[in-house]
Amino acid sequence: MSRFDDIQLLRIRYLRGPNLWTYRPVLEVWLDLGPLEDFPSNLIPGFTDRLTTLLPALIEHHCGVGERGGFIQRLNEGTWAGHVLEHVVIELLNLASMPTGFGQTRSTSRHGVYRMVFRARDEQVARVALAEGHRLLMAAINDDPFDAAAVQAAVDAVKAKVEDCYLGPSTACIVGAATDRGIPHIRLNQGNLVQLGYGANQQRIWTAETDYTSAIGESIASDKELTKSLLASCGVPVPEGQVVNSAAEAWEAAEDIGLPVVVKPSDANHGRGVSLELHTREEVESAFAVAEPEGSDVMVERFVRGSEHRLLVVGGQVVAAARGEIITVTGDGAATVAALIDSQLNSDPRRGVEEEFPLDFIDVATDAKLQLELQRQKLTAGSVPEAGRVVTIQRNGNLGVDCTDQVHPEVAHAATLAARVVGLDIAGIDLVAQDISRPLAAQGGAIVEVNAGPGLLMHLKPAVGSPRPVGRAICDHLFPDDAPGRIPVVGVAGSQDTAVLARLVAWLIGLGGRYTGLACGDGLFLERRRVDARNSAHWEAGHRLLVNRAVQAVVIENGAETILRDGLAYDRCQVGIVTDLEGVETLAAYDITDSDQMVKVLRTQVDVVLSEGTAVLNAADARVAGLAPLCDGAVILYASDAGVPAMSAHQSTGGKAVLVRQDRVVLANGSSESFLPGLGRLTVWRATHAGVSIDSLLAAVAAAWALGVPLNLIGAGVEAFESDLQAALASLQLSQQNLPFADKQLA
């Protein structure tokens, strides 16, 4: 068999928002198949068998056939290598536990060149999956050495990048809950700092910390001695104890408190350095050596009998609870303790070192607390326990047993009180009790720690019991009473006077009382202040507005090139305006060569209109008006010629329209029509607003109407708008010069 040259990856671009292909971010790859253009899959001897041997789960890909085995059917019938690469990449992502079901491959006007896309929540992960998939595919095509181990290495490479780049499970569950409620999110760093919602209605989370999490409360929680003191003063049961500075002091404190005791760091978390139920001086002093490196101080406390529990408090309510259990191994008379741990505990698929695993991997070589526990049993990692001997590995192992439904109301009250006393909106309350279904006082139980930023995985993936919707609880805490987290977003798509149109829309929204951000070809504006004079009709500028906490509404101009190059800056919008389908002459690099193709590009603006939102469409272009059925929300058509067919048909079905009659702007609601108040004859208006076309005026009026701006304010605002940008800026500067000094500072 002749050898094929590698498929050439001509261009790789990450589309960060809704785009030509889908609502979600995708990686778009331009491929040149070269000679493979003449060799679909059924003409490459043995290729399908080699590929399906390497990736047997391809049988699950439905492809365009729509049923299991659909993609295999396409392979046997003959499909091109670009399409095959799409499915190989998707399967590698599936195997890396980052499933994606979306991918498309389309030919271009160039022979052998294709555009291939696949769903990608992170650009770097997508690029690694593409590189590994490309390598695997070419090996299968050319019958190069590539076995199951090589496939696993490819999957591992994708997994490694996932671990580097994806949100942790705690953050991801909150983001997922927000998505379920229709609340958008923006990742603000490479870690777990995430913005939920847009503009002034946003909330921020950092794992399980929120905008409401008090820095003082976090500091108090990290000081366990101070936490105990405050809790005790409010009647919360806590174990007595004291801070010590040496192993000798630790033993003295243990004698004063009464054995057995607990030795732990004063400001560590996740149980690091904590030793339980210590009875002897040797144990206490050894435990001091384990605790000292983990925190600034070491505490000795009364040992409370029972199991450790973690109660998650969110917004004053206990929303989940988990119980820890003693972790043991049983000797067989042949294996060492280390080997028993590996065979009986670490073999559990729920254990691992990554955050996604609900149970921790146990490494006896590095776990000083475990080494101390073995020492107390006169064992080491290399000891061989006799057959049947039970060896304690962890006194309180992973908190993996869900017990939410068993929590006694008085226990829940003590936990929520502890969170309030410390000052945390979200807290992990660690308490020890023999029976969580009984009051603490009746069994000598106590709260031993209050943790800020608690992990959520134990509640999402308990080893025993039902998962708890803790992400939804946190989301509801941040956005109570179904608050949407959204602000009005207006998208303006097209090429004719769209910058002026966007400015007029922003002007009218601002008159309606909202602090408005604007990104358009004339620059980036906050209210009426231009903060960046560069062309801002692109993704980055729109993104800057959406993360601005002062902004109560935004207007973003999107040309066709923005949609093709980056996608939209927002996931959904309240109003989407499409003015025209022109500008194709500048888009040859994207293989867009005629205006009919522009329909598929600019429909993106209509596709993202919310169900409670409105599309504003130019009825004078039948193709633009034809986008109306694609809108999930309402539609307002506009045209200076009231007699265009689309307008008449729309009004006949009760639709809204903005049009011109008797030289005045008319608002139509079905057959009912009225003049726009506050605005007179258009011939008079034109004389002072030469920079604004009638079509732009009508589109802006329709957008403001859709947003509920009072009609008389719309009319007056259109009259007052200055289309000349420099004149408008000069007018603004003059008005600020006439303000008192204090007001200038606020302007």
Foldseek 3Di string as FASTA:
>chain_A
DDAADFWDFPDWAWFCAQFLFGGHIKIKTKTFRVPQLVPFLLNQPPLLVLVCQQVVCLQQQLPPVNGRNNVVVCNNVTDGPLVVLLSLLQSLCVLLVNHFNDKDKADFPDRRIIMIMTGDPDDVLSVLSSVLSSVVSSCSRRVNDDHNVNSVVSSVSSNVVCLQAPEFPQLVLLQVLLVVLVWDKDADDSYRWIWTFFAQLIKIDRRPATPQFDPQLQVCQQQLVSLVVLLVVVPAFEWDKDWDDALVVQVVRCVVSDDDKWKAARGADPCFLIAARDDDSVLSRLSCVRHVVRYPIMMITYHADAWKKKFKAAQLFGQWMFTFAWDKFFAAQPQFQLVRCCVPPVVPPLEDCGSLRQFHRDDLVPRSNQQSQQVVVVGGRGDHDYGGDIRTRDHTGRRFATDGVQAAPLNRNSVSVSCVSSSGNIKIWMKGFRGRNDHCVVTVIGTRGIHPSDHQNSQQHGPHDDRTSVSNSNNCSSQPPSNSSYAAEEEEEDDPLRQLLLVLLQLLVVLLPFQEWEQAQQATDGNLDGPGRHRRQAQVSVLVNGHHSRGRYYYHYHYLVRSLRHRHNDSAHQEYEYEAQDDQVVCVVSSRRDSVVSLSGSLSSQQRYDLLHEYEFELVDVSRLVSQVNHNHAYEYEDQDCPRVSNLVQLCVQHWYWYDDPQFIWTGGRPDIDGQAQADGNVVLCVQAVLADPSSLRSSLVNSVRVPRDRNSSNNSSSPDHSPSVVSVVVVVVVLVPDPPVVVVVD
